[in-house]
């Protein structure tokens, strides 16, 4: 995390390793060799990205996936891939998309099933496929607010803020008490540079349950300040 002084602090030492004084490290490469070996799987399984589970080379997108898992848990109170064992959880991370697609084959006209396929594709960072699936889901029910929310998430992830704003607005129109859509609409306005509109949403939500919900999902309202 970053402190108020702008300093970076390591908060999780789960992957740290004690090195004896006799092990003198001369380079970063040697440090990496002490920590792990190529193909080794290290981390907390329920929060791992698919490529981390497979022991592949990781980049920043893996952190985005894990952050999305944390946000999902904060919102729903449960981990999206958690199973009865670590092995089962790892399998779920790798197979959940395939399972969702099979469910869609069984019930192809279900807005809920189709929306969940898009939701899982979003978590897998397959944003273009998620948008494609979610747009087709809207053909089944143009006012299904979950589809519109998920579509807003995918558009925001791609930096398509105008499209995200339109999706959130439609979700709010479909269900007037859609507090989550209002929160993320405000965040999309802020990212798009429309500060006055973002501030108006913040002011409206400050006296409602919206602020409490925002804290549970990672407080995107901070982007409005």
C-alpha atoms as a PDB file:
ATOM      1  CA  UNK A   1       0.000   0.000   0.000  1.00  0.00           C
ATOM      2  CA  UNK A   2       1.027   3.651  -0.337  1.00  0.00           C
ATOM      3  CA  UNK A   3       1.269   5.716   2.850  1.00  0.00           C
ATOM      4  CA  UNK A   4       0.254   9.357   3.209  1.00  0.00           C
ATOM      5  CA  UNK A   5       3.929  10.207   2.671  1.00  0.00           C
ATOM      6  CA  UNK A   6       3.919   8.452  -0.680  1.00  0.00           C
ATOM      7  CA  UNK A   7       6.015   5.555   0.586  1.00  0.00           C
ATOM      8  CA  UNK A   8       5.325   1.959  -0.464  1.00  0.00           C
ATOM      9  CA  UNK A   9       4.838  -0.532   2.382  1.00  0.00           C
ATOM     10  CA  UNK A  10       4.676  -4.319   2.082  1.00  0.00           C
ATOM     11  CA  UNK A  11       1.603  -5.488   4.015  1.00  0.00           C
ATOM     12  CA  UNK A  12       1.547  -9.217   3.187  1.00  0.00           C
ATOM     13  CA  UNK A  13       4.580 -11.364   3.931  1.00  0.00           C
ATOM     14  CA  UNK A  14       2.925 -14.632   2.936  1.00  0.00           C
ATOM     15  CA  UNK A  15       5.532 -15.323   0.235  1.00  0.00           C
ATOM     16  CA  UNK A  16       8.560 -14.006   2.128  1.00  0.00           C
ATOM     17  CA  UNK A  17      11.495 -16.217   3.043  1.00  0.00           C
ATOM     18  CA  UNK A  18      14.120 -15.935   5.781  1.00  0.00           C
ATOM     19  CA  UNK A  19      17.646 -15.949   4.350  1.00  0.00           C
ATOM     20  CA  UNK A  20      20.527 -16.835   6.658  1.00  0.00           C
ATOM     21  CA  UNK A  21      23.484 -14.497   6.958  1.00  0.00           C
ATOM     22  CA  UNK A  22      25.632 -17.026   5.152  1.00  0.00           C
ATOM     23  CA  UNK A  23      23.543 -16.593   1.997  1.00  0.00           C
ATOM     24  CA  UNK A  24      24.897 -13.404   0.472  1.00  0.00           C
ATOM     25  CA  UNK A  25      22.717 -12.242  -2.409  1.00  0.00           C
ATOM     26  CA  UNK A  26      24.548 -10.332  -5.114  1.00  0.00           C
ATOM     27  CA  UNK A  27      21.783  -9.771  -7.659  1.00  0.00           C
ATOM     28  CA  UNK A  28      18.040  -9.706  -8.232  1.00  0.00           C
ATOM     29  CA  UNK A  29      18.267 -12.907 -10.270  1.00  0.00           C
ATOM     30  CA  UNK A  30      19.794 -14.741  -7.331  1.00  0.00           C
ATOM     31  CA  UNK A  31      17.060 -13.376  -5.064  1.00  0.00           C
ATOM     32  CA  UNK A  32      14.381 -14.763  -7.379  1.00  0.00           C
ATOM     33  CA  UNK A  33      16.137 -18.141  -7.416  1.00  0.00           C
ATOM     34  CA  UNK A  34      15.985 -18.283  -3.631  1.00  0.00           C
ATOM     35  CA  UNK A  35      12.292 -17.474  -3.546  1.00  0.00           C
ATOM     36  CA  UNK A  36      10.926 -19.898  -6.118  1.00  0.00           C
ATOM     37  CA  UNK A  37      11.656 -22.126  -9.057  1.00  0.00           C
ATOM     38  CA  UNK A  38      10.254 -21.902 -12.610  1.00  0.00           C
ATOM     39  CA  UNK A  39       6.747 -23.315 -12.779  1.00  0.00           C
ATOM     40  CA  UNK A  40       6.271 -23.275  -9.003  1.00  0.00           C
ATOM     41  CA  UNK A  41       2.775 -22.349  -7.797  1.00  0.00           C
ATOM     42  CA  UNK A  42       2.883 -19.902  -4.900  1.00  0.00           C
ATOM     43  CA  UNK A  43       0.111 -17.834  -3.356  1.00  0.00           C
ATOM     44  CA  UNK A  44      -3.294 -18.095  -1.690  1.00  0.00           C
ATOM     45  CA  UNK A  45      -5.307 -20.387  -3.931  1.00  0.00           C
ATOM     46  CA  UNK A  46      -8.795 -18.766  -3.788  1.00  0.00           C
ATOM     47  CA  UNK A  47      -7.303 -15.478  -5.035  1.00  0.00           C
ATOM     48  CA  UNK A  48      -5.042 -16.876  -7.755  1.00  0.00           C
ATOM     49  CA  UNK A  49      -5.444 -15.997 -11.413  1.00  0.00           C
ATOM     50  CA  UNK A  50      -5.763 -18.855 -13.943  1.00  0.00           C
ATOM     51  CA  UNK A  51      -2.209 -18.282 -15.196  1.00  0.00           C
ATOM     52  CA  UNK A  52      -0.910 -18.355 -11.616  1.00  0.00           C
ATOM     53  CA  UNK A  53      -2.632 -21.689 -11.023  1.00  0.00           C
ATOM     54  CA  UNK A  54      -1.011 -23.024 -14.190  1.00  0.00           C
ATOM     55  CA  UNK A  55       2.439 -21.844 -13.015  1.00  0.00           C
ATOM     56  CA  UNK A  56       2.878 -19.503 -15.972  1.00  0.00           C
ATOM     57  CA  UNK A  57       4.773 -16.206 -16.189  1.00  0.00           C
ATOM     58  CA  UNK A  58       2.740 -13.490 -14.455  1.00  0.00           C
ATOM     59  CA  UNK A  59       2.246  -9.798 -15.151  1.00  0.00           C
ATOM     60  CA  UNK A  60       0.095  -7.011 -13.763  1.00  0.00           C
ATOM     61  CA  UNK A  61      -3.092  -8.500 -15.208  1.00  0.00           C
ATOM     62  CA  UNK A  62      -2.830 -11.360 -12.705  1.00  0.00           C
ATOM     63  CA  UNK A  63      -3.038  -8.810  -9.867  1.00  0.00           C
ATOM     64  CA  UNK A  64      -6.123  -7.288 -11.489  1.00  0.00           C
ATOM     65  CA  UNK A  65      -7.807 -10.703 -11.487  1.00  0.00           C
ATOM     66  CA  UNK A  66      -6.969 -11.256  -7.805  1.00  0.00           C
ATOM     67  CA  UNK A  67      -8.188  -7.762  -6.934  1.00  0.00           C
ATOM     68  CA  UNK A  68     -11.468  -8.540  -8.684  1.00  0.00           C
ATOM     69  CA  UNK A  69     -11.836 -11.670  -6.553  1.00  0.00           C
ATOM     70  CA  UNK A  70     -11.351  -9.563  -3.419  1.00  0.00           C
ATOM     71  CA  UNK A  71     -13.996  -7.052  -4.558  1.00  0.00           C
ATOM     72  CA  UNK A  72     -16.419  -9.889  -5.308  1.00  0.00           C
ATOM     73  CA  UNK A  73     -15.899 -11.293  -1.804  1.00  0.00           C
ATOM     74  CA  UNK A  74     -16.416  -7.860  -0.240  1.00  0.00           C
ATOM     75  CA  UNK A  75     -19.691  -7.454  -2.106  1.00  0.00           C
ATOM     76  CA  UNK A  76     -21.127 -10.956  -1.750  1.00  0.00           C
ATOM     77  CA  UNK A  77     -19.505 -12.215   1.442  1.00  0.00           C
ATOM     78  CA  UNK A  78     -18.060 -15.281  -0.289  1.00  0.00           C
ATOM     79  CA  UNK A  79     -15.158 -16.176  -2.523  1.00  0.00           C
ATOM     80  CA  UNK A  80     -16.183 -16.790  -6.159  1.00  0.00           C
ATOM     81  CA  UNK A  81     -14.139 -19.980  -6.630  1.00  0.00           C
ATOM     82  CA  UNK A  82     -13.833 -21.390  -3.099  1.00  0.00           C
ATOM     83  CA  UNK A  83     -14.443 -25.157  -2.880  1.00  0.00           C
ATOM     84  CA  UNK A  84     -13.971 -27.950  -0.354  1.00  0.00           C
ATOM     85  CA  UNK A  85     -10.196 -28.166  -0.879  1.00  0.00           C
ATOM     86  CA  UNK A  86      -7.338 -26.188  -2.397  1.00  0.00           C
ATOM     87  CA  UNK A  87      -7.173 -28.611  -5.320  1.00  0.00           C
ATOM     88  CA  UNK A  88     -10.893 -28.222  -5.981  1.00  0.00           C
ATOM     89  CA  UNK A  89     -10.598 -24.438  -5.763  1.00  0.00           C
ATOM     90  CA  UNK A  90      -7.739 -24.415  -8.277  1.00  0.00           C
ATOM     91  CA  UNK A  91      -9.823 -26.604 -10.585  1.00  0.00           C
ATOM     92  CA  UNK A  92     -12.784 -24.224 -10.238  1.00  0.00           C
ATOM     93  CA  UNK A  93     -10.640 -21.254 -11.256  1.00  0.00           C
ATOM     94  CA  UNK A  94      -9.611 -23.081 -14.423  1.00  0.00           C
ATOM     95  CA  UNK A  95     -12.980 -24.623 -15.307  1.00  0.00           C
ATOM     96  CA  UNK A  96     -15.673 -22.158 -14.186  1.00  0.00           C
ATOM     97  CA  UNK A  97     -15.899 -20.474 -17.604  1.00  0.00           C
ATOM     98  CA  UNK A  98     -16.404 -23.843 -19.294  1.00  0.00           C
ATOM     99  CA  UNK A  99     -19.077 -24.771 -16.740  1.00  0.00           C
ATOM    100  CA  UNK A 100     -20.912 -21.495 -17.291  1.00  0.00           C
ATOM    101  CA  UNK A 101     -20.855 -22.029 -21.032  1.00  0.00           C
ATOM    102  CA  UNK A 102     -22.274 -25.543 -20.588  1.00  0.00           C
ATOM    103  CA  UNK A 103     -25.054 -24.093 -18.433  1.00  0.00           C
ATOM    104  CA  UNK A 104     -25.855 -21.679 -21.261  1.00  0.00           C
ATOM    105  CA  UNK A 105     -26.096 -24.614 -23.670  1.00  0.00           C
ATOM    106  CA  UNK A 106     -28.633 -26.266 -21.358  1.00  0.00           C
ATOM    107  CA  UNK A 107     -30.705 -23.090 -20.941  1.00  0.00           C
ATOM    108  CA  UNK A 108     -29.719 -20.763 -23.814  1.00  0.00           C
ATOM    109  CA  UNK A 109     -32.623 -18.350 -23.285  1.00  0.00           C
ATOM    110  CA  UNK A 110     -31.950 -17.615 -19.614  1.00  0.00           C
ATOM    111  CA  UNK A 111     -30.797 -14.003 -19.080  1.00  0.00           C
ATOM    112  CA  UNK A 112     -29.330 -14.978 -15.711  1.00  0.00           C
ATOM    113  CA  UNK A 113     -27.211 -17.817 -17.078  1.00  0.00           C
ATOM    114  CA  UNK A 114     -25.987 -15.751 -20.007  1.00  0.00           C
ATOM    115  CA  UNK A 115     -25.208 -12.774 -17.779  1.00  0.00           C
ATOM    116  CA  UNK A 116     -23.145 -15.033 -15.507  1.00  0.00           C
ATOM    117  CA  UNK A 117     -21.090 -16.178 -18.502  1.00  0.00           C
ATOM    118  CA  UNK A 118     -20.292 -12.541 -19.209  1.00  0.00           C
ATOM    119  CA  UNK A 119     -19.532 -11.948 -15.519  1.00  0.00           C
ATOM    120  CA  UNK A 120     -17.034 -14.820 -15.428  1.00  0.00           C
ATOM    121  CA  UNK A 121     -15.424 -13.696 -18.683  1.00  0.00           C
ATOM    122  CA  UNK A 122     -15.038 -10.252 -17.104  1.00  0.00           C
ATOM    123  CA  UNK A 123     -13.239 -11.745 -14.095  1.00  0.00           C
ATOM    124  CA  UNK A 124     -10.997 -13.673 -16.494  1.00  0.00           C
ATOM    125  CA  UNK A 125     -10.149 -10.297 -18.097  1.00  0.00           C
ATOM    126  CA  UNK A 126     -11.590 -11.426 -21.419  1.00  0.00           C
ATOM    127  CA  UNK A 127     -13.334  -8.081 -21.745  1.00  0.00           C
ATOM    128  CA  UNK A 128     -14.142  -8.176 -25.449  1.00  0.00           C
ATOM    129  CA  UNK A 129     -15.782 -11.602 -25.147  1.00  0.00           C
ATOM    130  CA  UNK A 130     -17.617 -10.465 -22.010  1.00  0.00           C
ATOM    131  CA  UNK A 131     -19.021  -7.439 -23.831  1.00  0.00           C
ATOM    132  CA  UNK A 132     -20.076  -9.592 -26.773  1.00  0.00           C
ATOM    133  CA  UNK A 133     -21.869 -12.095 -24.524  1.00  0.00           C
ATOM    134  CA  UNK A 134     -23.542  -9.396 -22.435  1.00  0.00           C
ATOM    135  CA  UNK A 135     -24.763  -7.445 -25.471  1.00  0.00           C
ATOM    136  CA  UNK A 136     -26.346 -10.641 -26.793  1.00  0.00           C
ATOM    137  CA  UNK A 137     -27.876 -11.251 -23.360  1.00  0.00           C
ATOM    138  CA  UNK A 138     -29.594  -7.876 -23.592  1.00  0.00           C
ATOM    139  CA  UNK A 139     -31.401  -9.197 -26.662  1.00  0.00           C
ATOM    140  CA  UNK A 140     -33.118 -11.669 -24.313  1.00  0.00           C
ATOM    141  CA  UNK A 141     -34.082  -8.987 -21.779  1.00  0.00           C
ATOM    142  CA  UNK A 142     -33.049  -5.372 -22.373  1.00  0.00           C
ATOM    143  CA  UNK A 143     -33.983  -4.356 -18.830  1.00  0.00           C
ATOM    144  CA  UNK A 144     -32.151  -7.057 -16.875  1.00  0.00           C
ATOM    145  CA  UNK A 145     -30.145  -4.866 -14.527  1.00  0.00           C
ATOM    146  CA  UNK A 146     -27.436  -7.415 -13.709  1.00  0.00           C
ATOM    147  CA  UNK A 147     -26.545  -7.705 -17.381  1.00  0.00           C
ATOM    148  CA  UNK A 148     -26.321  -3.925 -17.620  1.00  0.00           C
ATOM    149  CA  UNK A 149     -24.179  -3.678 -14.480  1.00  0.00           C
ATOM    150  CA  UNK A 150     -21.763  -6.320 -15.749  1.00  0.00           C
ATOM    151  CA  UNK A 151     -21.627  -4.619 -19.127  1.00  0.00           C
ATOM    152  CA  UNK A 152     -20.718  -1.382 -17.380  1.00  0.00           C
ATOM    153  CA  UNK A 153     -17.879  -3.138 -15.546  1.00  0.00           C
ATOM    154  CA  UNK A 154     -16.459  -4.535 -18.791  1.00  0.00           C
ATOM    155  CA  UNK A 155     -16.708  -1.211 -20.610  1.00  0.00           C
ATOM    156  CA  UNK A 156     -15.013   0.570 -17.696  1.00  0.00           C
ATOM    157  CA  UNK A 157     -12.185  -1.975 -17.673  1.00  0.00           C
ATOM    158  CA  UNK A 158     -11.548  -1.157 -21.335  1.00  0.00           C
ATOM    159  CA  UNK A 159     -11.674   2.595 -20.739  1.00  0.00           C
ATOM    160  CA  UNK A 160     -14.921   2.892 -22.729  1.00  0.00           C
ATOM    161  CA  UNK A 161     -16.482   5.291 -20.236  1.00  0.00           C
ATOM    162  CA  UNK A 162     -19.250   6.694 -22.452  1.00  0.00           C
ATOM    163  CA  UNK A 163     -20.530   3.161 -23.087  1.00  0.00           C
ATOM    164  CA  UNK A 164     -20.199   2.286 -19.382  1.00  0.00           C
ATOM    165  CA  UNK A 165     -22.167   5.384 -18.390  1.00  0.00           C
ATOM    166  CA  UNK A 166     -24.943   4.484 -20.820  1.00  0.00           C
ATOM    167  CA  UNK A 167     -25.114   0.932 -19.438  1.00  0.00           C
ATOM    168  CA  UNK A 168     -25.314   2.110 -15.815  1.00  0.00           C
ATOM    169  CA  UNK A 169     -27.953   4.710 -16.691  1.00  0.00           C
ATOM    170  CA  UNK A 170     -30.074   2.025 -18.330  1.00  0.00           C
ATOM    171  CA  UNK A 171     -29.630  -0.229 -15.281  1.00  0.00           C
ATOM    172  CA  UNK A 172     -30.839   2.561 -12.987  1.00  0.00           C
ATOM    173  CA  UNK A 173     -33.796   3.199 -15.273  1.00  0.00           C
ATOM    174  CA  UNK A 174     -34.647  -0.512 -15.221  1.00  0.00           C
ATOM    175  CA  UNK A 175     -34.485  -0.655 -11.412  1.00  0.00           C
ATOM    176  CA  UNK A 176     -34.722   2.666  -9.674  1.00  0.00           C
ATOM    177  CA  UNK A 177     -33.164   1.475  -6.406  1.00  0.00           C
ATOM    178  CA  UNK A 178     -30.061   0.113  -8.131  1.00  0.00           C
ATOM    179  CA  UNK A 179     -27.590   1.646  -5.691  1.00  0.00           C
ATOM    180  CA  UNK A 180     -24.643  -0.346  -7.028  1.00  0.00           C
ATOM    181  CA  UNK A 181     -25.209   1.009 -10.539  1.00  0.00           C
ATOM    182  CA  UNK A 182     -25.386   4.557  -9.149  1.00  0.00           C
ATOM    183  CA  UNK A 183     -22.054   4.082  -7.356  1.00  0.00           C
ATOM    184  CA  UNK A 184     -20.286   2.815 -10.439  1.00  0.00           C
ATOM    185  CA  UNK A 185     -21.984   5.389 -12.631  1.00  0.00           C
ATOM    186  CA  UNK A 186     -20.406   8.039 -10.428  1.00  0.00           C
ATOM    187  CA  UNK A 187     -17.021   6.340 -10.723  1.00  0.00           C
ATOM    188  CA  UNK A 188     -17.377   6.175 -14.511  1.00  0.00           C
ATOM    189  CA  UNK A 189     -18.255   9.878 -14.622  1.00  0.00           C
ATOM    190  CA  UNK A 190     -15.154  10.642 -12.536  1.00  0.00           C
ATOM    191  CA  UNK A 191     -12.894   8.599 -14.804  1.00  0.00           C
ATOM    192  CA  UNK A 192     -14.430  10.277 -17.849  1.00  0.00           C
ATOM    193  CA  UNK A 193     -13.575  13.698 -16.387  1.00  0.00           C
ATOM    194  CA  UNK A 194     -17.204  14.699 -15.725  1.00  0.00           C
ATOM    195  CA  UNK A 195     -16.519  15.742 -12.151  1.00  0.00           C
ATOM    196  CA  UNK A 196     -19.700  17.753 -11.543  1.00  0.00           C
ATOM    197  CA  UNK A 197     -21.924  14.802 -12.441  1.00  0.00           C
ATOM    198  CA  UNK A 198     -19.801  12.528 -10.270  1.00  0.00           C
ATOM    199  CA  UNK A 199     -20.043  14.930  -7.330  1.00  0.00           C
ATOM    200  CA  UNK A 200     -23.822  15.147  -7.728  1.00  0.00           C
ATOM    201  CA  UNK A 201     -24.111  11.367  -7.385  1.00  0.00           C
ATOM    202  CA  UNK A 202     -21.798  11.377  -4.379  1.00  0.00           C
ATOM    203  CA  UNK A 203     -23.911  14.040  -2.670  1.00  0.00           C
ATOM    204  CA  UNK A 204     -27.099  12.084  -3.351  1.00  0.00           C
ATOM    205  CA  UNK A 205     -25.638   8.886  -1.922  1.00  0.00           C
ATOM    206  CA  UNK A 206     -23.960  10.364   1.139  1.00  0.00           C
ATOM    207  CA  UNK A 207     -27.191  10.208   3.129  1.00  0.00           C
ATOM    208  CA  UNK A 208     -28.240   6.797   1.850  1.00  0.00           C
ATOM    209  CA  UNK A 209     -27.207   3.179   2.051  1.00  0.00           C
ATOM    210  CA  UNK A 210     -25.030   3.803  -1.005  1.00  0.00           C
ATOM    211  CA  UNK A 211     -21.995   4.876   0.998  1.00  0.00           C
ATOM    212  CA  UNK A 212     -22.176   1.757   3.180  1.00  0.00           C
ATOM    213  CA  UNK A 213     -22.453  -0.458   0.112  1.00  0.00           C
ATOM    214  CA  UNK A 214     -19.586   1.379  -1.542  1.00  0.00           C
ATOM    215  CA  UNK A 215     -17.305   0.581   1.381  1.00  0.00           C
ATOM    216  CA  UNK A 216     -18.148  -3.083   1.019  1.00  0.00           C
ATOM    217  CA  UNK A 217     -17.147  -3.160  -2.663  1.00  0.00           C
ATOM    218  CA  UNK A 218     -13.908  -1.213  -2.307  1.00  0.00           C
ATOM    219  CA  UNK A 219     -15.256   2.337  -2.048  1.00  0.00           C
ATOM    220  CA  UNK A 220     -15.260   3.458  -5.688  1.00  0.00           C
ATOM    221  CA  UNK A 221     -16.769   6.686  -4.382  1.00  0.00           C
ATOM    222  CA  UNK A 222     -13.249   7.739  -3.421  1.00  0.00           C
ATOM    223  CA  UNK A 223     -12.726   8.400  -7.104  1.00  0.00           C
ATOM    224  CA  UNK A 224     -15.405  11.095  -6.948  1.00  0.00           C
ATOM    225  CA  UNK A 225     -13.668  13.195  -4.306  1.00  0.00           C
END
